[in-house]
Amino acid sequence: MFNKQKIKENLFYTRQLQLKFYCPKNKIIPALFYLEKFLLNNYSFSEEIPISTLKQKWIYEMIEKGNYSNEVTKNLKELENKNIKRKVLGLIEEFSDIPSLKDKNYFFTSFKKFTKNFNNLLVLNNCSDLQTSFVFQFILLVYIKKFAVSDSIKEILKLETRPIDFFEIVFIDIFLKKDSQRISKGYYLYKLLLKYFIK
């Protein structure tokens, strides 16, 4: 069982709110969010990504073998579910295929594929009310890695027309306007409430 305090400490605050709002009793969704966190944390925007690749291979092997005995994988134990394990491994493979940002078209095509299958896993595990946006996942990656986003990439992100989750659109708006390397949880919650009351 997931410890609520651990979730509070370790997951990004937008993900914390989504868990509480959309699927508070679901045990698999927190594990998916922990996996997402691991993958994003260990992605490298550099073209030379051997360490990133090794870490992705390592987490793949740990899940494949059912090894949840260390500090990283203990939060992923719920992914051992036989109905989703193969799909989770496929998701890791898809993330591993995301290239460097030098080839923008291929990068975003690959990233969108990862997001699509991430959402498929949310639906499969009874959290269909939440569909994450590739724009949010990309901005979350950029925010975590403190990567400077060019104006041309921002324009690509603004072309996204599909509906975006309320919790995610607030973070996206803050990031694109503020372009800050740090957005405090307090400031985010303030903007969240502001948008809720004036929408």
N, C-alpha and C. Protein backbone atom coordinates (compact mmCIF):
# COMPACT_ATOMS: atom_id res chain seq x y z
N MET A 1 0.86 -1.20 0.00
CA MET A 1 0.00 0.00 0.00
C MET A 1 0.89 1.25 0.00
N PHE A 2 0.49 2.27 -0.77
CA PHE A 2 1.27 3.48 -0.84
C PHE A 2 1.05 4.34 0.39
N ASN A 3 2.15 4.80 0.94
CA ASN A 3 2.10 5.71 2.07
C ASN A 3 1.80 7.12 1.56
N LYS A 4 0.72 7.74 2.04
CA LYS A 4 0.29 9.04 1.53
C LYS A 4 1.37 10.10 1.75
N GLN A 5 2.09 10.00 2.85
CA GLN A 5 3.13 10.97 3.13
C GLN A 5 4.25 10.86 2.11
N LYS A 6 4.59 9.62 1.74
CA LYS A 6 5.63 9.40 0.75
C LYS A 6 5.23 9.99 -0.60
N ILE A 7 3.96 9.79 -0.97
CA ILE A 7 3.48 10.36 -2.22
C ILE A 7 3.59 11.88 -2.17
N LYS A 8 3.22 12.44 -1.02
CA LYS A 8 3.28 13.88 -0.86
C LYS A 8 4.71 14.39 -1.00
N GLU A 9 5.66 13.65 -0.48
CA GLU A 9 7.05 14.08 -0.50
C GLU A 9 7.69 13.89 -1.87
N ASN A 10 7.33 12.83 -2.57
CA ASN A 10 8.11 12.42 -3.72
C ASN A 10 7.54 12.72 -5.09
N LEU A 11 6.24 12.89 -5.20
CA LEU A 11 5.66 13.17 -6.50
C LEU A 11 5.50 14.67 -6.72
N PHE A 12 5.58 15.07 -7.96
CA PHE A 12 5.42 16.48 -8.32
C PHE A 12 4.04 16.96 -7.89
N TYR A 13 3.92 18.20 -7.44
CA TYR A 13 2.67 18.65 -6.83
C TYR A 13 1.46 18.57 -7.76
N THR A 14 1.67 18.74 -9.06
CA THR A 14 0.54 18.60 -9.99
C THR A 14 0.04 17.16 -9.99
N ARG A 15 0.96 16.22 -9.97
CA ARG A 15 0.58 14.81 -9.91
C ARG A 15 -0.09 14.47 -8.58
N GLN A 16 0.37 15.06 -7.50
CA GLN A 16 -0.27 14.83 -6.19
C GLN A 16 -1.75 15.20 -6.25
N LEU A 17 -2.04 16.38 -6.81
CA LEU A 17 -3.43 16.85 -6.88
C LEU A 17 -4.27 15.98 -7.81
N GLN A 18 -3.69 15.55 -8.91
CA GLN A 18 -4.42 14.69 -9.84
C GLN A 18 -4.77 13.36 -9.18
N LEU A 19 -3.85 12.83 -8.41
CA LEU A 19 -4.13 11.57 -7.70
C LEU A 19 -5.29 11.74 -6.74
N LYS A 20 -5.25 12.80 -5.97
CA LYS A 20 -6.30 13.04 -4.97
C LYS A 20 -7.66 13.30 -5.62
N PHE A 21 -7.64 13.98 -6.76
CA PHE A 21 -8.88 14.38 -7.40
C PHE A 21 -9.49 13.28 -8.27
N TYR A 22 -8.67 12.58 -9.04
CA TYR A 22 -9.19 11.63 -10.02
C TYR A 22 -9.22 10.17 -9.55
N CYS A 23 -8.23 9.76 -8.81
CA CYS A 23 -8.15 8.33 -8.46
C CYS A 23 -7.49 8.14 -7.10
N PRO A 24 -8.11 8.64 -6.03
CA PRO A 24 -7.50 8.61 -4.69
C PRO A 24 -7.25 7.21 -4.12
N LYS A 25 -8.04 6.22 -4.56
CA LYS A 25 -7.89 4.87 -4.00
C LYS A 25 -7.16 3.92 -4.93
N ASN A 26 -6.77 4.41 -6.07
CA ASN A 26 -6.08 3.57 -7.06
C ASN A 26 -4.62 3.39 -6.66
N LYS A 27 -4.14 2.16 -6.65
CA LYS A 27 -2.76 1.88 -6.24
C LYS A 27 -1.79 1.84 -7.42
N ILE A 28 -2.31 1.62 -8.62
CA ILE A 28 -1.44 1.48 -9.78
C ILE A 28 -1.03 2.84 -10.34
N ILE A 29 -1.93 3.82 -10.31
CA ILE A 29 -1.63 5.14 -10.88
C ILE A 29 -0.44 5.81 -10.18
N PRO A 30 -0.34 5.78 -8.83
CA PRO A 30 0.86 6.34 -8.20
C PRO A 30 2.14 5.68 -8.72
N ALA A 31 2.08 4.37 -8.94
CA ALA A 31 3.26 3.66 -9.45
C ALA A 31 3.62 4.15 -10.85
N LEU A 32 2.61 4.41 -11.68
CA LEU A 32 2.87 4.95 -13.02
C LEU A 32 3.49 6.33 -12.93
N PHE A 33 3.02 7.13 -11.98
CA PHE A 33 3.58 8.47 -11.80
C PHE A 33 5.02 8.39 -11.30
N TYR A 34 5.31 7.42 -10.43
CA TYR A 34 6.70 7.24 -9.98
C TYR A 34 7.59 6.81 -11.13
N LEU A 35 7.07 5.95 -12.00
CA LEU A 35 7.85 5.53 -13.17
C LEU A 35 8.09 6.73 -14.08
N GLU A 36 7.06 7.51 -14.31
CA GLU A 36 7.21 8.73 -15.12
C GLU A 36 8.30 9.62 -14.53
N LYS A 37 8.25 9.81 -13.22
CA LYS A 37 9.25 10.65 -12.54
C LYS A 37 10.66 10.12 -12.77
N PHE A 38 10.84 8.81 -12.64
CA PHE A 38 12.15 8.21 -12.85
C PHE A 38 12.64 8.45 -14.28
N LEU A 39 11.78 8.22 -15.25
CA LEU A 39 12.16 8.38 -16.65
C LEU A 39 12.52 9.83 -16.97
N LEU A 40 11.70 10.76 -16.51
CA LEU A 40 11.98 12.18 -16.78
C LEU A 40 13.24 12.64 -16.07
N ASN A 41 13.41 12.23 -14.83
CA ASN A 41 14.60 12.62 -14.06
C ASN A 41 15.89 12.16 -14.72
N ASN A 42 15.82 11.04 -15.41
CA ASN A 42 17.04 10.44 -15.96
C ASN A 42 17.18 10.61 -17.47
N TYR A 43 16.34 11.46 -18.03
CA TYR A 43 16.50 11.78 -19.46
C TYR A 43 17.61 12.82 -19.60
N SER A 44 18.33 12.76 -20.71
CA SER A 44 19.36 13.76 -20.97
C SER A 44 19.08 14.43 -22.30
N PHE A 45 19.13 15.76 -22.31
CA PHE A 45 18.94 16.50 -23.55
C PHE A 45 20.21 16.50 -24.40
N SER A 46 21.28 15.98 -23.84
CA SER A 46 22.52 15.87 -24.59
C SER A 46 22.41 14.75 -25.61
N GLU A 47 23.15 14.89 -26.71
CA GLU A 47 23.15 13.83 -27.72
C GLU A 47 23.87 12.58 -27.20
N GLU A 48 24.80 12.79 -26.30
CA GLU A 48 25.53 11.66 -25.74
C GLU A 48 24.79 11.22 -24.48
N ILE A 49 24.01 10.14 -24.59
CA ILE A 49 23.13 9.77 -23.48
C ILE A 49 23.36 8.33 -22.98
N PRO A 50 24.61 7.87 -22.88
CA PRO A 50 24.82 6.49 -22.40
C PRO A 50 24.33 6.24 -20.98
N ILE A 51 24.51 7.21 -20.08
CA ILE A 51 24.07 7.03 -18.70
C ILE A 51 22.55 6.96 -18.64
N SER A 52 21.88 7.84 -19.38
CA SER A 52 20.43 7.83 -19.44
C SER A 52 19.92 6.50 -19.97
N THR A 53 20.54 6.00 -21.02
CA THR A 53 20.14 4.72 -21.61
C THR A 53 20.34 3.58 -20.63
N LEU A 54 21.45 3.60 -19.90
CA LEU A 54 21.73 2.56 -18.92
C LEU A 54 20.69 2.54 -17.80
N LYS A 55 20.27 3.72 -17.36
CA LYS A 55 19.27 3.81 -16.29
C LYS A 55 17.91 3.31 -16.77
N GLN A 56 17.57 3.61 -18.02
CA GLN A 56 16.32 3.12 -18.58
C GLN A 56 16.35 1.60 -18.71
N LYS A 57 17.50 1.08 -19.13
CA LYS A 57 17.66 -0.38 -19.24
C LYS A 57 17.57 -1.03 -17.86
N TRP A 58 18.16 -0.36 -16.87
CA TRP A 58 18.15 -0.90 -15.50
C TRP A 58 16.72 -0.99 -14.97
N ILE A 59 15.93 0.09 -15.10
CA ILE A 59 14.57 0.07 -14.57
C ILE A 59 13.72 -0.96 -15.33
N TYR A 60 13.98 -1.11 -16.61
CA TYR A 60 13.28 -2.11 -17.42
C TYR A 60 13.54 -3.51 -16.85
N GLU A 61 14.81 -3.79 -16.59
CA GLU A 61 15.20 -5.12 -16.10
C GLU A 61 14.66 -5.39 -14.70
N MET A 62 14.64 -4.36 -13.86
CA MET A 62 14.11 -4.53 -12.51
C MET A 62 12.63 -4.92 -12.55
N ILE A 63 11.85 -4.24 -13.39
CA ILE A 63 10.42 -4.53 -13.51
C ILE A 63 10.21 -5.88 -14.19
N GLU A 64 10.99 -6.14 -15.22
CA GLU A 64 10.87 -7.41 -15.94
C GLU A 64 11.10 -8.61 -15.02
N LYS A 65 12.09 -8.47 -14.12
CA LYS A 65 12.43 -9.55 -13.19
C LYS A 65 11.60 -9.53 -11.91
N GLY A 66 10.79 -8.48 -11.74
CA GLY A 66 9.98 -8.38 -10.53
C GLY A 66 10.79 -8.05 -9.30
N ASN A 67 11.86 -7.28 -9.49
CA ASN A 67 12.73 -6.91 -8.38
C ASN A 67 12.32 -5.52 -7.86
N TYR A 68 11.66 -5.49 -6.72
CA TYR A 68 11.18 -4.24 -6.14
C TYR A 68 11.77 -4.04 -4.74
N SER A 69 13.01 -4.44 -4.59
CA SER A 69 13.62 -4.46 -3.26
C SER A 69 14.48 -3.23 -2.94
N ASN A 70 14.64 -2.31 -3.91
CA ASN A 70 15.49 -1.14 -3.62
C ASN A 70 14.65 0.13 -3.52
N GLU A 71 15.29 1.22 -3.17
CA GLU A 71 14.60 2.48 -2.89
C GLU A 71 13.83 3.02 -4.09
N VAL A 72 14.33 2.76 -5.29
CA VAL A 72 13.67 3.26 -6.50
C VAL A 72 12.49 2.37 -6.87
N THR A 73 12.72 1.08 -6.95
CA THR A 73 11.69 0.18 -7.48
C THR A 73 10.61 -0.19 -6.47
N LYS A 74 10.82 0.08 -5.20
CA LYS A 74 9.81 -0.30 -4.21
C LYS A 74 8.48 0.42 -4.45
N ASN A 75 8.55 1.59 -5.08
CA ASN A 75 7.34 2.35 -5.39
C ASN A 75 6.65 1.88 -6.67
N LEU A 76 7.24 0.89 -7.32
CA LEU A 76 6.71 0.41 -8.60
C LEU A 76 6.10 -0.98 -8.50
N LYS A 77 6.01 -1.50 -7.30
CA LYS A 77 5.59 -2.89 -7.10
C LYS A 77 4.22 -3.19 -7.71
N GLU A 78 3.32 -2.21 -7.68
CA GLU A 78 1.98 -2.43 -8.22
C GLU A 78 2.00 -2.68 -9.73
N LEU A 79 3.10 -2.35 -10.39
CA LEU A 79 3.21 -2.57 -11.83
C LEU A 79 3.47 -4.04 -12.17
N GLU A 80 3.61 -4.86 -11.14
CA GLU A 80 3.81 -6.29 -11.34
C GLU A 80 2.52 -6.95 -11.84
N ASN A 81 1.41 -6.25 -11.75
CA ASN A 81 0.12 -6.74 -12.23
C ASN A 81 0.26 -7.33 -13.63
N LYS A 82 -0.12 -8.61 -13.79
CA LYS A 82 0.10 -9.32 -15.05
C LYS A 82 -0.65 -8.70 -16.22
N ASN A 83 -1.71 -7.96 -15.94
CA ASN A 83 -2.49 -7.35 -17.01
C ASN A 83 -1.82 -6.12 -17.62
N ILE A 84 -0.87 -5.53 -16.90
CA ILE A 84 -0.25 -4.31 -17.42
C ILE A 84 1.27 -4.36 -17.52
N LYS A 85 1.90 -5.37 -16.93
CA LYS A 85 3.36 -5.39 -16.87
C LYS A 85 3.99 -5.28 -18.25
N ARG A 86 3.51 -6.03 -19.22
CA ARG A 86 4.08 -6.00 -20.56
C ARG A 86 3.91 -4.62 -21.19
N LYS A 87 2.77 -3.99 -20.94
CA LYS A 87 2.52 -2.65 -21.49
C LYS A 87 3.43 -1.61 -20.83
N VAL A 88 3.70 -1.79 -19.54
CA VAL A 88 4.61 -0.88 -18.83
C VAL A 88 6.02 -1.01 -19.41
N LEU A 89 6.45 -2.24 -19.66
CA LEU A 89 7.77 -2.44 -20.26
C LEU A 89 7.84 -1.82 -21.65
N GLY A 90 6.74 -1.93 -22.38
CA GLY A 90 6.67 -1.30 -23.69
C GLY A 90 6.75 0.22 -23.60
N LEU A 91 6.16 0.76 -22.55
CA LEU A 91 6.20 2.21 -22.32
C LEU A 91 7.64 2.67 -22.08
N ILE A 92 8.39 1.91 -21.31
CA ILE A 92 9.80 2.25 -21.05
C ILE A 92 10.60 2.19 -22.36
N GLU A 93 10.32 1.19 -23.18
CA GLU A 93 11.01 1.08 -24.47
C GLU A 93 10.71 2.30 -25.35
N GLU A 94 9.45 2.73 -25.33
CA GLU A 94 9.07 3.91 -26.12
C GLU A 94 9.78 5.16 -25.64
N PHE A 95 9.89 5.30 -24.32
CA PHE A 95 10.60 6.46 -23.80
C PHE A 95 12.08 6.41 -24.19
N SER A 96 12.64 5.21 -24.20
CA SER A 96 14.05 5.04 -24.58
C SER A 96 14.29 5.42 -26.03
N ASP A 97 13.24 5.37 -26.84
CA ASP A 97 13.37 5.70 -28.27
C ASP A 97 13.29 7.19 -28.54
N ILE A 98 12.95 8.00 -27.51
CA ILE A 98 12.87 9.45 -27.72
C ILE A 98 14.28 9.98 -27.96
N PRO A 99 14.51 10.61 -29.11
CA PRO A 99 15.86 11.07 -29.46
C PRO A 99 16.20 12.40 -28.80
N SER A 100 17.32 12.96 -29.19
CA SER A 100 17.67 14.30 -28.70
C SER A 100 16.75 15.32 -29.36
N LEU A 101 16.70 16.49 -28.80
CA LEU A 101 15.82 17.54 -29.29
C LEU A 101 16.35 18.19 -30.56
N LYS A 102 17.52 17.77 -30.98
CA LYS A 102 18.11 18.34 -32.20
C LYS A 102 17.20 18.09 -33.40
N ASP A 103 16.60 16.90 -33.43
CA ASP A 103 15.62 16.58 -34.47
C ASP A 103 14.23 16.80 -33.87
N LYS A 104 13.72 18.02 -33.94
CA LYS A 104 12.48 18.40 -33.25
C LYS A 104 11.29 17.55 -33.69
N ASN A 105 11.15 17.34 -35.00
CA ASN A 105 9.99 16.59 -35.50
C ASN A 105 9.96 15.17 -34.95
N TYR A 106 11.10 14.48 -35.03
CA TYR A 106 11.17 13.11 -34.55
C TYR A 106 11.01 13.07 -33.04
N PHE A 107 11.60 14.07 -32.36
CA PHE A 107 11.50 14.13 -30.90
C PHE A 107 10.03 14.21 -30.48
N PHE A 108 9.30 15.16 -31.05
CA PHE A 108 7.91 15.36 -30.63
C PHE A 108 6.99 14.23 -31.08
N THR A 109 7.29 13.64 -32.23
CA THR A 109 6.51 12.48 -32.67
C THR A 109 6.68 11.33 -31.68
N SER A 110 7.92 11.10 -31.26
CA SER A 110 8.22 10.03 -30.30
C SER A 110 7.62 10.34 -28.93
N PHE A 111 7.72 11.60 -28.53
CA PHE A 111 7.21 11.99 -27.21
C PHE A 111 5.69 11.86 -27.16
N LYS A 112 5.02 12.24 -28.24
CA LYS A 112 3.56 12.11 -28.30
C LYS A 112 3.13 10.65 -28.23
N LYS A 113 3.91 9.78 -28.84
CA LYS A 113 3.60 8.35 -28.79
C LYS A 113 3.71 7.85 -27.35
N PHE A 114 4.75 8.30 -26.65
CA PHE A 114 4.92 7.92 -25.24
C PHE A 114 3.72 8.40 -24.42
N THR A 115 3.32 9.65 -24.61
CA THR A 115 2.17 10.21 -23.87
C THR A 115 0.89 9.45 -24.17
N LYS A 116 0.68 9.12 -25.43
CA LYS A 116 -0.53 8.38 -25.83
C LYS A 116 -0.61 7.05 -25.09
N ASN A 117 0.48 6.33 -25.02
CA ASN A 117 0.46 5.03 -24.37
C ASN A 117 0.46 5.15 -22.85
N PHE A 118 0.99 6.24 -22.33
CA PHE A 118 0.88 6.53 -20.90
C PHE A 118 -0.60 6.71 -20.56
N ASN A 119 -1.32 7.45 -21.40
CA ASN A 119 -2.75 7.65 -21.20
C ASN A 119 -3.54 6.36 -21.35
N ASN A 120 -3.12 5.51 -22.26
CA ASN A 120 -3.78 4.21 -22.42
C ASN A 120 -3.69 3.40 -21.13
N LEU A 121 -2.56 3.51 -20.45
CA LEU A 121 -2.39 2.80 -19.17
C LEU A 121 -3.27 3.40 -18.09
N LEU A 122 -3.46 4.72 -18.12
CA LEU A 122 -4.37 5.36 -17.16
C LEU A 122 -5.79 4.83 -17.35
N VAL A 123 -6.22 4.73 -18.61
CA VAL A 123 -7.56 4.24 -18.91
C VAL A 123 -7.69 2.77 -18.50
N LEU A 124 -6.68 1.99 -18.84
CA LEU A 124 -6.69 0.56 -18.53
C LEU A 124 -6.80 0.31 -17.04
N ASN A 125 -6.30 1.25 -16.25
CA ASN A 125 -6.29 1.09 -14.80
C ASN A 125 -7.31 1.99 -14.11
N ASN A 126 -8.44 2.17 -14.80
CA ASN A 126 -9.63 2.82 -14.21
C ASN A 126 -9.41 4.25 -13.77
N CYS A 127 -8.62 4.99 -14.56
CA CYS A 127 -8.45 6.42 -14.28
C CYS A 127 -8.66 7.19 -15.59
N SER A 128 -9.75 6.88 -16.26
CA SER A 128 -10.01 7.45 -17.58
C SER A 128 -10.36 8.94 -17.52
N ASP A 129 -10.73 9.44 -16.34
CA ASP A 129 -11.04 10.87 -16.22
C ASP A 129 -9.80 11.74 -16.39
N LEU A 130 -8.65 11.14 -16.18
CA LEU A 130 -7.39 11.87 -16.34
C LEU A 130 -6.71 11.44 -17.63
N GLN A 131 -6.47 12.39 -18.51
CA GLN A 131 -5.66 12.18 -19.70
C GLN A 131 -4.60 13.26 -19.72
N THR A 132 -3.37 12.86 -19.52
CA THR A 132 -2.30 13.84 -19.44
C THR A 132 -1.96 14.36 -20.83
N SER A 133 -1.43 15.56 -20.88
CA SER A 133 -1.08 16.19 -22.15
C SER A 133 0.41 16.01 -22.43
N PHE A 134 0.73 15.79 -23.71
CA PHE A 134 2.15 15.69 -24.05
C PHE A 134 2.85 17.02 -23.78
N VAL A 135 2.11 18.12 -23.89
CA VAL A 135 2.69 19.44 -23.60
C VAL A 135 3.10 19.50 -22.13
N PHE A 136 2.22 19.03 -21.26
CA PHE A 136 2.55 19.03 -19.84
C PHE A 136 3.74 18.12 -19.55
N GLN A 137 3.73 16.91 -20.10
CA GLN A 137 4.84 15.99 -19.83
C GLN A 137 6.16 16.56 -20.34
N PHE A 138 6.12 17.20 -21.49
CA PHE A 138 7.35 17.80 -22.02
C PHE A 138 7.80 18.96 -21.14
N ILE A 139 6.87 19.83 -20.75
CA ILE A 139 7.25 20.97 -19.90
C ILE A 139 7.72 20.49 -18.52
N LEU A 140 7.10 19.42 -18.03
CA LEU A 140 7.56 18.84 -16.77
C LEU A 140 9.00 18.34 -16.91
N LEU A 141 9.30 17.71 -18.04
CA LEU A 141 10.67 17.26 -18.31
C LEU A 141 11.63 18.44 -18.35
N VAL A 142 11.26 19.47 -19.07
CA VAL A 142 12.09 20.67 -19.19
C VAL A 142 12.29 21.32 -17.83
N TYR A 143 11.21 21.38 -17.04
CA TYR A 143 11.27 22.01 -15.72
C TYR A 143 12.20 21.23 -14.78
N ILE A 144 12.05 19.91 -14.79
CA ILE A 144 12.88 19.05 -13.93
C ILE A 144 14.36 19.17 -14.29
N LYS A 145 14.63 19.20 -15.60
CA LYS A 145 16.02 19.22 -16.07
C LYS A 145 16.60 20.63 -16.17
N LYS A 146 15.76 21.65 -15.87
CA LYS A 146 16.20 23.05 -15.95
C LYS A 146 16.77 23.37 -17.34
N PHE A 147 16.05 22.91 -18.34
CA PHE A 147 16.47 23.08 -19.73
C PHE A 147 15.82 24.35 -20.30
N ALA A 148 16.62 25.15 -20.98
CA ALA A 148 16.11 26.39 -21.57
C ALA A 148 15.35 26.08 -22.86
N VAL A 149 14.09 26.49 -22.92
CA VAL A 149 13.25 26.23 -24.08
C VAL A 149 13.28 27.42 -25.03
N SER A 150 13.55 27.15 -26.29
CA SER A 150 13.61 28.23 -27.28
C SER A 150 12.20 28.71 -27.64
N ASP A 151 12.13 29.89 -28.22
CA ASP A 151 10.84 30.44 -28.63
C ASP A 151 10.19 29.58 -29.71
N SER A 152 11.00 28.97 -30.56
CA SER A 152 10.45 28.11 -31.62
C SER A 152 9.75 26.89 -31.04
N ILE A 153 10.31 26.35 -29.96
CA ILE A 153 9.68 25.19 -29.31
C ILE A 153 8.40 25.62 -28.61
N LYS A 154 8.41 26.79 -28.00
CA LYS A 154 7.20 27.30 -27.36
C LYS A 154 6.08 27.46 -28.37
N GLU A 155 6.42 27.88 -29.56
CA GLU A 155 5.41 28.04 -30.61
C GLU A 155 4.83 26.68 -31.01
N ILE A 156 5.67 25.66 -31.05
CA ILE A 156 5.20 24.30 -31.35
C ILE A 156 4.21 23.84 -30.29
N LEU A 157 4.53 24.12 -29.03
CA LEU A 157 3.66 23.70 -27.92
C LEU A 157 2.31 24.42 -27.97
N LYS A 158 2.33 25.66 -28.38
CA LYS A 158 1.09 26.45 -28.45
C LYS A 158 0.15 25.98 -29.55
N LEU A 159 0.67 25.16 -30.47
CA LEU A 159 -0.16 24.65 -31.57
C LEU A 159 -1.07 23.51 -31.12
N GLU A 160 -0.79 22.96 -29.94
CA GLU A 160 -1.60 21.85 -29.42
C GLU A 160 -3.03 22.32 -29.18
N THR A 161 -3.97 21.64 -29.79
CA THR A 161 -5.38 22.06 -29.72
C THR A 161 -6.25 21.14 -28.87
N ARG A 162 -5.73 19.99 -28.51
CA ARG A 162 -6.55 19.06 -27.72
C ARG A 162 -6.76 19.59 -26.30
N PRO A 163 -7.91 19.26 -25.69
CA PRO A 163 -8.18 19.73 -24.32
C PRO A 163 -7.08 19.30 -23.35
N ILE A 164 -6.74 20.19 -22.44
CA ILE A 164 -5.69 19.91 -21.46
C ILE A 164 -6.29 19.96 -20.06
N ASP A 165 -5.92 19.00 -19.26
CA ASP A 165 -6.41 18.90 -17.88
C ASP A 165 -6.21 20.21 -17.12
N PHE A 166 -7.19 20.55 -16.27
CA PHE A 166 -7.17 21.81 -15.53
C PHE A 166 -5.90 21.99 -14.71
N PHE A 167 -5.50 20.95 -13.98
CA PHE A 167 -4.30 21.04 -13.14
C PHE A 167 -3.04 21.26 -13.99
N GLU A 168 -3.05 20.68 -15.18
CA GLU A 168 -1.88 20.78 -16.06
C GLU A 168 -1.82 22.11 -16.79
N ILE A 169 -2.98 22.60 -17.25
CA ILE A 169 -2.97 23.86 -18.01
C ILE A 169 -2.51 25.02 -17.16
N VAL A 170 -2.81 24.98 -15.87
CA VAL A 170 -2.36 26.06 -14.98
C VAL A 170 -0.83 26.06 -14.90
N PHE A 171 -0.24 24.88 -14.74
CA PHE A 171 1.23 24.81 -14.68
C PHE A 171 1.84 25.24 -16.01
N ILE A 172 1.26 24.78 -17.11
CA ILE A 172 1.76 25.15 -18.44
C ILE A 172 1.73 26.66 -18.63
N ASP A 173 0.61 27.27 -18.27
CA ASP A 173 0.48 28.73 -18.43
C ASP A 173 1.53 29.48 -17.62
N ILE A 174 1.73 29.03 -16.38
CA ILE A 174 2.74 29.68 -15.53
C ILE A 174 4.11 29.56 -16.16
N PHE A 175 4.44 28.36 -16.60
CA PHE A 175 5.77 28.11 -17.15
C PHE A 175 6.02 28.94 -18.41
N LEU A 176 5.05 28.96 -19.31
CA LEU A 176 5.26 29.66 -20.58
C LEU A 176 5.31 31.18 -20.39
N LYS A 177 4.62 31.69 -19.37
CA LYS A 177 4.63 33.13 -19.14
C LYS A 177 5.79 33.56 -18.25
N LYS A 178 6.05 32.74 -17.25
CA LYS A 178 7.08 33.10 -16.27
C LYS A 178 8.46 32.62 -16.70
N ASP A 179 8.48 31.49 -17.43
CA ASP A 179 9.74 30.91 -17.91
C ASP A 179 10.76 30.81 -16.77
N SER A 180 10.29 30.31 -15.64
CA SER A 180 11.13 30.24 -14.45
C SER A 180 11.66 28.84 -14.23
N GLN A 181 12.85 28.76 -13.64
CA GLN A 181 13.41 27.46 -13.31
C GLN A 181 12.81 26.92 -12.01
N ARG A 182 12.06 27.76 -11.32
CA ARG A 182 11.41 27.29 -10.09
C ARG A 182 10.03 27.92 -9.96
N ILE A 183 9.02 27.07 -9.89
CA ILE A 183 7.65 27.51 -9.66
C ILE A 183 7.22 26.88 -8.34
N SER A 184 7.08 27.69 -7.32
CA SER A 184 6.78 27.14 -6.00
C SER A 184 5.38 26.55 -5.97
N LYS A 185 5.20 25.59 -5.07
CA LYS A 185 3.89 24.97 -4.92
C LYS A 185 2.85 26.00 -4.50
N GLY A 186 3.25 26.93 -3.61
CA GLY A 186 2.33 27.96 -3.15
C GLY A 186 1.85 28.85 -4.28
N TYR A 187 2.77 29.25 -5.15
CA TYR A 187 2.41 30.10 -6.28
C TYR A 187 1.50 29.34 -7.25
N TYR A 188 1.82 28.09 -7.47
CA TYR A 188 0.99 27.25 -8.35
C TYR A 188 -0.43 27.12 -7.80
N LEU A 189 -0.56 26.85 -6.50
CA LEU A 189 -1.88 26.73 -5.89
C LEU A 189 -2.67 28.04 -5.96
N TYR A 190 -1.96 29.14 -5.80
CA TYR A 190 -2.59 30.46 -5.91
C TYR A 190 -3.17 30.64 -7.31
N LYS A 191 -2.39 30.33 -8.34
CA LYS A 191 -2.83 30.45 -9.73
C LYS A 191 -3.96 29.47 -10.04
N LEU A 192 -3.89 28.30 -9.42
CA LEU A 192 -4.91 27.28 -9.62
C LEU A 192 -6.27 27.79 -9.11
N LEU A 193 -6.26 28.33 -7.91
CA LEU A 193 -7.49 28.87 -7.31
C LEU A 193 -8.01 30.07 -8.11
N LEU A 194 -7.09 30.91 -8.54
CA LEU A 194 -7.46 32.09 -9.31
C LEU A 194 -8.16 31.69 -10.60
N LYS A 195 -7.59 30.71 -11.29
CA LYS A 195 -8.18 30.26 -12.55
C LYS A 195 -9.54 29.59 -12.31
N TYR A 196 -9.65 28.88 -11.20
CA TYR A 196 -10.91 28.19 -10.89
C TYR A 196 -12.04 29.19 -10.67
N PHE A 197 -11.75 30.26 -9.98
CA PHE A 197 -12.80 31.22 -9.64
C PHE A 197 -13.14 32.20 -10.75
N ILE A 198 -12.21 32.37 -11.71
CA ILE A 198 -12.51 33.32 -12.78
C ILE A 198 -12.81 32.66 -14.10
N LYS A 199 -12.83 31.31 -14.12
CA LYS A 199 -13.08 30.62 -15.39
C LYS A 199 -14.54 30.80 -15.84
